[in-house]
Each structure stands twice: as C-alpha cells, then as structure tokens.
Amino acid sequence: MPAADRPTRIGIVGAGGVAERHARVLSSFPDATVVGIADLAPERAAALAREVGAEAYRDADALLADIDVDCLYVCTPPFARGAAERLAADRGLPLFVEKPLAADLATAEDVAAVVTAAGIPTGTGYHWRHLDIVAEAAELLAGRTPGLVVGRWFDKVPPPPWWARKDGSGGQLVEQATHLVDLARHLVGEVESVSALGASCGVTGPNGDVDEASAAILAFANGAVGTLTATCLFDRKDTTTLEVVAPGLALTVSESELVVTDADGTRRREPGNDARVAVDREFIDVVRGVRARTAVPYEEALRTHRVACALAASAEEGAPVAVSPA
C-alpha cells in the first residue's frame, strides 16, 4: 500500500487506445501518477509515456525490473494476456485487468488461480457496473423476479487486426458483448446454460474468422430467459443495450441512458457520472486502502468470462453449452 502522503505509482502494460484512456484518467487524479508504460511497439509506448510523463519500456519484465510501482494495469490485447498478470501476482502487486480477461477461458482460469493464491487486490474493466443508472436499475429490480432479458450489441469492426481473429480477440461475444453479459449477471443473476449460432458476411476480410453476426439464448438460474444478439456489420457503433422485464417493470440500460417503464409511465435518465473515470477511481482507492475491494474483482469478472466463452463455444460447436459455476 502506498504511503498516504505520496501519489500511487502506476505501471501500465499496453499502449493502445484503452491504455491511453486509463493513462489519461489516472494522470488526472491528484493522488496517482503513471510512472511506466510498456508495449512491444516502442514508438507507441514512447508516445504515451511522453504524454503522461512516464518512462517507456518494451514489456512488463523490463518495467518492473527498472522502477518501483504500487500497482499494475494490464491493457494488452486479449491474446496477449497471462504473463504480466503472473508477474504482478509474483510481486504481490494490486492488479487491474481490462476486459475481456483473455481470448480464451483457460488463460483466465489459470490467472485467476495465481491471483487468488497471491491474495492481491484486483479490478477489471467492466465499467458499466459503475454507472449510477445501473445502480438505479438494480434498486428498481430489488424484490422482483425478472423473466426476460434482451441484449443487443450492434457495432462496426474495430480497427486492430487481431480483433477479426478468434485467437486474437475471442470474437465479438467475448470481446465486446461481454459488457452486456456482465450487466445481465449483475441485474438478473447467474447464467446456467447457453445456445448460440453465428454467421459471417465477409466484412472482416479474408483473414477474419470471427462470427460477424451472433444470436444466442441464455437460461438463468432463477428461471429467467434471455436473448443476446451481436453484429459488427454496421459502419458505426449503433445499439448497445440490455432490456430487463419483470412483473410490472421494463428497463432498458445503455451507457448513455436508463429507460424505465412501469405503472407510472415511461421515464428516461442520463448517467450522472462517468463510469470510465469511476472504475479507475475505485481501483486506486482500493490500492490506497480507502476501499476494501472493487465492484468487479478478477474472480467476479471470471464468472462473466465463463459465460462469454460458453457463448462462443456454443456458436462454434452448434450445440448448447453449460456454464461452469466454478
């Protein structure tokens, strides 16, 4: 734990767009400072390091060998997960990992075991849970048993070349729609089994092998049923929503709005906070001993990752897949 009279020293592994966002947010906190950026692309690491006043390194090994940090952020692509997380665990460093936890399930399960054994504080990039409108949705659902869940993620193909490969991103259900899976788990409950289908129209190019359209059915432990549809066939990010229907109540949640329909009619509310800032603020507070734990530590994110990977496996195998409870 860093001393209360000095800023928390942060190392970031990865220097892509998500790492840039975290670095800028963290650098805006008066009690935090980014001291090291590591990336296999030296020019990218150097550029982000210059922006936030940090040192640039080729990888996590070099960063941790050269400077002392109080915590480590892992913002590498999904296929590059595992090594940096194990280094953090070996050194007893609090660890923040972006979503998804990996492109596959085995890597995430292995990291979870190492992190649990190390007993280090963890946080993950499921920032939707930090929206104040999500807290409001949870309050509205308290005491009700949801019956129907409808998730939609309609988007474009992201620019990184690894995204279009299953061994790079895990596919759209794992890399993007995982936010909706996590929100559904948070608001409705655990998922017991899934059944999914996928289709492709060629928009990811000759080297792409991810499903470009997916449709799935989810069975929840409490008896609720859900559908999840996702596509990257659009030329822009269009719709990313989760609808939850319970007796006398229908909710539609997105990053930008909560729509509530009940006996009083329909009302809308925009978020009163920035979840992308709140998720970093929470983690730094945990590192500094101000909070006991994050809302979505690694073991909680792993439960979401298991569902997302089950969806991807079902689409590939063309058969229902049970979700491992542990």
Protein backbone atom coordinates (compact mmCIF):
# COMPACT_ATOMS: atom_id res chain seq x y z
CA MET A 1 0.00 0.00 0.00
CA PRO A 2 1.47 3.41 -0.94
CA ALA A 3 2.07 5.97 1.76
CA ALA A 4 -0.80 8.38 2.26
CA ASP A 5 1.48 11.36 1.68
CA ARG A 6 2.59 10.39 -1.85
CA PRO A 7 0.81 9.55 -5.11
CA THR A 8 0.20 5.94 -6.08
CA ARG A 9 2.82 4.86 -8.64
CA ILE A 10 1.23 3.02 -11.58
CA GLY A 11 2.69 0.86 -14.32
CA ILE A 12 0.65 0.19 -17.47
CA VAL A 13 1.27 -2.73 -19.81
CA GLY A 14 -0.07 -1.95 -23.27
CA ALA A 15 -0.23 1.39 -25.05
CA GLY A 16 -3.27 1.06 -27.32
CA GLY A 17 -6.48 3.05 -27.19
CA VAL A 18 -7.79 1.56 -23.94
CA ALA A 19 -4.42 2.03 -22.23
CA GLU A 20 -4.38 5.65 -23.41
CA ARG A 21 -7.76 6.23 -21.79
CA HIS A 22 -6.69 4.74 -18.49
CA ALA A 23 -3.39 6.63 -18.53
CA ARG A 24 -5.15 9.96 -19.08
CA VAL A 25 -7.77 9.32 -16.42
CA LEU A 26 -5.22 8.10 -13.88
CA SER A 27 -2.94 11.07 -14.58
CA SER A 28 -5.82 13.41 -13.75
CA PHE A 29 -6.02 12.10 -10.17
CA PRO A 30 -4.03 14.18 -7.66
CA ASP A 31 -3.10 11.05 -5.69
CA ALA A 32 -1.90 8.94 -8.63
CA THR A 33 0.93 9.09 -11.16
CA VAL A 34 1.70 6.87 -14.14
CA VAL A 35 5.43 6.12 -13.98
CA GLY A 36 5.88 3.42 -16.62
CA ILE A 37 4.34 2.34 -19.95
CA ALA A 38 5.28 -0.96 -21.58
CA ASP A 39 4.46 -2.05 -25.10
CA LEU A 40 6.12 -4.26 -27.71
CA ALA A 41 5.73 -1.34 -30.16
CA PRO A 42 8.43 1.03 -28.82
CA GLU A 43 7.16 4.11 -30.64
CA ARG A 44 3.68 3.62 -29.19
CA ALA A 45 5.00 3.16 -25.66
CA ALA A 46 7.23 6.21 -26.02
CA ALA A 47 4.42 8.42 -27.30
CA LEU A 48 2.06 7.58 -24.43
CA ALA A 49 4.88 7.81 -21.90
CA ARG A 50 5.75 11.30 -23.10
CA GLU A 51 2.11 12.37 -22.83
CA VAL A 52 1.78 11.35 -19.17
CA GLY A 53 5.35 11.96 -18.03
CA ALA A 54 6.32 8.31 -17.65
CA GLU A 55 9.16 6.06 -18.78
CA ALA A 56 8.75 3.71 -21.73
CA TYR A 57 9.65 0.01 -21.69
CA ARG A 58 9.46 -2.94 -24.09
CA ASP A 59 7.47 -5.22 -21.74
CA ALA A 60 6.28 -5.77 -18.18
CA ASP A 61 9.51 -7.55 -17.20
CA ALA A 62 11.60 -4.54 -18.15
CA LEU A 63 9.22 -2.10 -16.47
CA LEU A 64 9.10 -3.96 -13.17
CA ALA A 65 12.85 -4.58 -13.17
CA ASP A 66 13.62 -0.88 -13.55
CA ILE A 67 11.09 1.02 -11.42
CA ASP A 68 9.01 0.53 -8.30
CA VAL A 69 5.25 0.62 -8.78
CA ASP A 70 2.36 0.27 -6.36
CA CYS A 71 0.05 -1.45 -8.86
CA LEU A 72 -0.07 -2.71 -12.43
CA TYR A 73 -2.63 -2.14 -15.18
CA VAL A 74 -2.79 -4.78 -17.94
CA CYS A 75 -4.31 -3.33 -21.12
CA THR A 76 -2.81 -5.63 -23.73
CA PRO A 77 -4.93 -7.29 -26.45
CA PRO A 78 -6.85 -10.36 -25.25
CA PHE A 79 -4.46 -12.80 -26.93
CA ALA A 80 -1.50 -11.34 -25.00
CA ARG A 81 -2.84 -11.94 -21.50
CA GLY A 82 -1.29 -14.02 -18.74
CA ALA A 83 2.39 -13.16 -18.41
CA ALA A 84 2.04 -9.65 -16.97
CA GLU A 85 -0.71 -10.76 -14.58
CA ARG A 86 1.55 -13.52 -13.23
CA LEU A 87 4.39 -11.04 -12.73
CA ALA A 88 2.09 -8.80 -10.69
CA ALA A 89 0.97 -11.77 -8.59
CA ASP A 90 4.57 -12.88 -8.02
CA ARG A 91 5.41 -9.41 -6.71
CA GLY A 92 2.25 -9.01 -4.65
CA LEU A 93 1.13 -6.01 -6.72
CA PRO A 94 -2.51 -4.94 -6.92
CA LEU A 95 -3.68 -5.74 -10.44
CA PHE A 96 -6.17 -4.13 -12.83
CA VAL A 97 -7.02 -6.11 -15.98
CA GLU A 98 -9.04 -4.79 -18.90
CA LYS A 99 -11.93 -6.82 -20.28
CA PRO A 100 -12.08 -9.40 -21.64
CA LEU A 101 -9.76 -11.31 -19.31
CA ALA A 102 -8.30 -13.24 -22.26
CA ALA A 103 -9.18 -14.50 -25.73
CA ASP A 104 -9.81 -17.94 -24.23
CA LEU A 105 -11.04 -19.41 -20.97
CA ALA A 106 -8.01 -21.49 -19.97
CA THR A 107 -5.73 -18.45 -19.66
CA ALA A 108 -8.21 -16.60 -17.46
CA GLU A 109 -8.76 -19.64 -15.24
CA ASP A 110 -5.00 -20.03 -14.79
CA VAL A 111 -4.51 -16.36 -13.96
CA ALA A 112 -7.41 -16.47 -11.50
CA ALA A 113 -5.77 -19.33 -9.61
CA VAL A 114 -2.46 -17.46 -9.42
CA VAL A 115 -4.10 -14.20 -8.37
CA THR A 116 -6.21 -15.91 -5.71
CA ALA A 117 -3.17 -17.69 -4.29
CA ALA A 118 -1.28 -14.39 -4.14
CA GLY A 119 -4.14 -12.67 -2.32
CA ILE A 120 -3.67 -9.40 -4.20
CA PRO A 121 -6.41 -6.78 -4.74
CA THR A 122 -7.80 -6.80 -8.27
CA GLY A 123 -10.03 -4.75 -10.50
CA THR A 124 -11.29 -5.22 -14.06
CA GLY A 125 -12.58 -3.11 -16.91
CA TYR A 126 -16.31 -3.83 -16.59
CA HIS A 127 -17.02 -0.14 -16.14
CA TRP A 128 -20.76 -0.35 -16.93
CA ARG A 129 -21.35 -1.52 -13.36
CA HIS A 130 -20.11 1.87 -12.16
CA LEU A 131 -22.87 3.83 -13.90
CA ASP A 132 -25.23 5.42 -11.40
CA ILE A 133 -28.13 4.48 -13.67
CA VAL A 134 -27.13 0.81 -13.29
CA ALA A 135 -27.35 1.23 -9.52
CA GLU A 136 -30.81 2.74 -10.02
CA ALA A 137 -31.83 -0.19 -12.24
CA ALA A 138 -30.70 -2.64 -9.56
CA GLU A 139 -32.74 -0.80 -6.94
CA LEU A 140 -35.83 -0.90 -9.15
CA LEU A 141 -35.42 -4.65 -9.65
CA ALA A 142 -34.98 -5.37 -5.95
CA GLY A 143 -37.76 -7.65 -4.76
CA ARG A 144 -38.85 -8.53 -8.30
CA THR A 145 -38.06 -11.68 -10.27
CA PRO A 146 -37.02 -10.82 -13.84
CA GLY A 147 -38.45 -13.05 -16.53
CA LEU A 148 -36.95 -11.75 -19.78
CA VAL A 149 -33.56 -10.32 -20.76
CA VAL A 150 -32.79 -8.91 -24.22
CA GLY A 151 -29.28 -7.80 -25.11
CA ARG A 152 -28.22 -6.08 -28.35
CA TRP A 153 -24.70 -5.13 -29.44
CA PHE A 154 -24.75 -3.68 -32.97
CA ASP A 155 -21.36 -2.26 -33.92
CA LYS A 156 -18.65 -1.98 -36.55
CA VAL A 157 -15.42 -3.95 -36.99
CA PRO A 158 -12.81 -2.39 -34.67
CA PRO A 159 -9.56 -1.35 -36.40
CA PRO A 160 -6.96 -3.60 -34.64
CA PRO A 161 -6.11 -6.53 -36.97
CA TRP A 162 -6.17 -9.02 -34.09
CA TRP A 163 -9.86 -8.30 -33.43
CA ALA A 164 -11.06 -10.20 -36.53
CA ARG A 165 -9.35 -13.41 -35.38
CA LYS A 166 -10.81 -15.78 -32.79
CA ASP A 167 -7.33 -16.45 -31.44
CA GLY A 168 -6.80 -12.69 -31.15
CA SER A 169 -10.00 -11.37 -29.57
CA GLY A 170 -12.11 -14.42 -28.83
CA GLY A 171 -14.79 -12.98 -31.12
CA GLN A 172 -17.41 -10.29 -30.65
CA LEU A 173 -19.32 -12.12 -27.91
CA VAL A 174 -16.13 -12.39 -25.85
CA GLU A 175 -14.54 -9.03 -26.63
CA GLN A 176 -17.49 -6.61 -26.89
CA ALA A 177 -20.83 -8.12 -25.86
CA THR A 178 -19.19 -9.32 -22.65
CA HIS A 179 -20.28 -5.96 -21.19
CA LEU A 180 -23.91 -6.99 -21.66
CA VAL A 181 -23.25 -10.44 -20.23
CA ASP A 182 -21.73 -8.87 -17.15
CA LEU A 183 -24.63 -6.44 -16.77
CA ALA A 184 -27.15 -9.26 -17.15
CA ARG A 185 -25.40 -11.26 -14.43
CA HIS A 186 -25.35 -8.21 -12.18
CA LEU A 187 -29.02 -7.29 -12.64
CA VAL A 188 -30.65 -10.70 -13.17
CA GLY A 189 -28.39 -13.47 -11.84
CA GLU A 190 -26.16 -16.32 -12.91
CA VAL A 191 -26.45 -18.00 -16.30
CA GLU A 192 -26.69 -21.80 -16.29
CA SER A 193 -26.59 -22.63 -20.00
CA VAL A 194 -26.41 -21.00 -23.41
CA SER A 195 -27.13 -21.85 -27.03
CA ALA A 196 -25.72 -19.71 -29.83
CA LEU A 197 -25.39 -19.51 -33.61
CA GLY A 198 -23.07 -17.39 -35.72
CA ALA A 199 -22.89 -16.13 -39.28
CA SER A 200 -20.40 -14.21 -41.43
CA CYS A 201 -20.77 -11.95 -44.45
CA GLY A 202 -17.10 -11.22 -45.17
CA VAL A 203 -16.77 -7.75 -43.63
CA THR A 204 -13.74 -8.80 -41.55
CA GLY A 205 -11.78 -9.64 -44.68
CA PRO A 206 -10.02 -12.80 -45.89
CA ASN A 207 -8.07 -13.26 -42.65
CA GLY A 208 -11.07 -12.81 -40.35
CA ASP A 209 -12.65 -15.87 -38.78
CA VAL A 210 -14.91 -14.36 -36.09
CA ASP A 211 -18.68 -14.51 -36.33
CA GLU A 212 -19.93 -11.20 -37.74
CA ALA A 213 -23.47 -11.85 -36.52
CA SER A 214 -24.46 -13.88 -33.47
CA ALA A 215 -27.75 -14.89 -31.89
CA ALA A 216 -27.98 -16.64 -28.54
CA ILE A 217 -30.41 -17.86 -25.90
CA LEU A 218 -29.44 -17.74 -22.24
CA ALA A 219 -31.03 -19.70 -19.39
CA PHE A 220 -30.66 -18.09 -15.96
CA ALA A 221 -30.54 -20.00 -12.68
CA ASN A 222 -33.59 -18.12 -11.34
CA GLY A 223 -35.73 -19.22 -14.29
CA ALA A 224 -35.38 -16.10 -16.43
CA VAL A 225 -34.66 -16.48 -20.13
CA GLY A 226 -32.69 -14.15 -22.34
CA THR A 227 -31.59 -13.44 -25.86
CA LEU A 228 -28.35 -11.82 -26.96
CA THR A 229 -27.72 -10.61 -30.50
CA ALA A 230 -24.48 -9.07 -31.71
CA THR A 231 -23.09 -7.93 -35.03
CA CYS A 232 -20.18 -5.97 -36.45
CA LEU A 233 -21.87 -5.48 -39.84
CA PHE A 234 -22.58 -1.79 -39.20
CA ASP A 235 -20.27 1.05 -40.23
CA ARG A 236 -20.60 2.63 -36.79
CA LYS A 237 -21.45 1.78 -33.21
CA ASP A 238 -25.25 1.75 -33.28
CA THR A 239 -27.01 -0.08 -30.43
CA THR A 240 -25.58 -1.46 -27.19
CA THR A 241 -28.46 -2.06 -24.80
CA LEU A 242 -29.76 -4.50 -22.24
CA GLU A 243 -33.50 -4.78 -21.59
CA VAL A 244 -34.81 -6.47 -18.45
CA VAL A 245 -38.51 -7.22 -17.98
CA ALA A 246 -40.00 -8.12 -14.57
CA PRO A 247 -43.61 -8.10 -13.39
CA GLY A 248 -44.86 -4.55 -13.83
CA LEU A 249 -41.46 -3.20 -14.88
CA ALA A 250 -39.38 -2.90 -18.04
CA LEU A 251 -35.87 -1.40 -18.05
CA THR A 252 -33.57 -0.54 -20.93
CA VAL A 253 -29.99 0.18 -19.92
CA SER A 254 -27.20 1.59 -22.06
CA GLU A 255 -24.07 3.61 -21.33
CA SER A 256 -25.99 6.78 -22.14
CA GLU A 257 -29.49 6.24 -20.75
CA LEU A 258 -31.85 4.33 -18.48
CA VAL A 259 -35.43 3.96 -19.73
CA VAL A 260 -37.96 2.86 -17.11
CA THR A 261 -41.50 1.76 -17.96
CA ASP A 262 -43.87 0.91 -15.13
CA ALA A 263 -47.33 1.81 -13.82
CA ASP A 264 -46.34 5.48 -13.76
CA GLY A 265 -45.49 5.52 -17.48
CA THR A 266 -42.11 5.83 -19.19
CA ARG A 267 -39.24 8.00 -17.95
CA ARG A 268 -35.65 8.44 -19.03
CA ARG A 269 -32.50 9.39 -17.19
CA GLU A 270 -28.96 10.04 -18.35
CA PRO A 271 -25.99 8.98 -16.22
CA GLY A 272 -24.86 11.45 -13.60
CA ASN A 273 -21.32 10.10 -13.57
CA ASP A 274 -18.54 8.97 -15.93
CA ALA A 275 -18.15 5.22 -15.41
CA ARG A 276 -14.79 5.18 -17.20
CA VAL A 277 -13.44 7.53 -14.57
CA ALA A 278 -15.25 5.84 -11.69
CA VAL A 279 -13.74 2.41 -12.41
CA ASP A 280 -10.20 3.82 -12.14
CA ARG A 281 -11.03 5.93 -9.10
CA GLU A 282 -12.37 2.86 -7.33
CA PHE A 283 -9.27 0.78 -8.04
CA ILE A 284 -6.86 3.47 -6.86
CA ASP A 285 -8.93 3.84 -3.69
CA VAL A 286 -8.53 0.10 -3.09
CA VAL A 287 -4.77 0.32 -3.68
CA ARG A 288 -4.56 3.21 -1.22
CA GLY A 289 -6.62 1.39 1.41
CA VAL A 290 -9.63 3.69 1.16
CA ARG A 291 -11.92 0.88 -0.06
CA ALA A 292 -11.87 -2.80 0.78
CA ARG A 293 -12.48 -4.20 -2.73
CA THR A 294 -13.60 -3.31 -6.23
CA ALA A 295 -17.07 -3.95 -7.63
CA VAL A 296 -15.74 -6.43 -10.22
CA PRO A 297 -12.56 -8.13 -8.98
CA TYR A 298 -10.88 -10.74 -11.17
CA GLU A 299 -12.84 -13.69 -9.74
CA GLU A 300 -16.14 -11.91 -10.43
CA ALA A 301 -15.08 -10.98 -13.96
CA LEU A 302 -14.12 -14.63 -14.50
CA ARG A 303 -17.76 -15.64 -13.97
CA THR A 304 -18.74 -13.27 -16.79
CA HIS A 305 -15.89 -14.55 -18.96
CA ARG A 306 -17.08 -18.13 -18.50
CA VAL A 307 -20.49 -17.19 -19.89
CA ALA A 308 -18.99 -15.28 -22.84
CA CYS A 309 -16.67 -18.16 -23.67
CA ALA A 310 -19.57 -20.62 -23.40
CA LEU A 311 -21.48 -18.49 -25.91
CA ALA A 312 -18.51 -18.55 -28.31
CA ALA A 313 -18.11 -22.31 -27.85
CA SER A 314 -21.80 -22.93 -28.48
CA ALA A 315 -21.73 -20.94 -31.70
CA GLU A 316 -18.67 -22.84 -32.89
CA GLU A 317 -19.95 -26.27 -31.88
CA GLY A 318 -23.57 -25.71 -32.88
CA ALA A 319 -24.84 -27.15 -29.62
CA PRO A 320 -25.94 -25.89 -26.16
CA VAL A 321 -23.16 -25.40 -23.61
CA ALA A 322 -23.49 -25.49 -19.82
CA VAL A 323 -21.76 -22.69 -17.96
CA SER A 324 -19.26 -23.82 -15.36
CA PRO A 325 -20.29 -22.50 -11.93
CA ALA A 326 -16.69 -22.54 -10.65
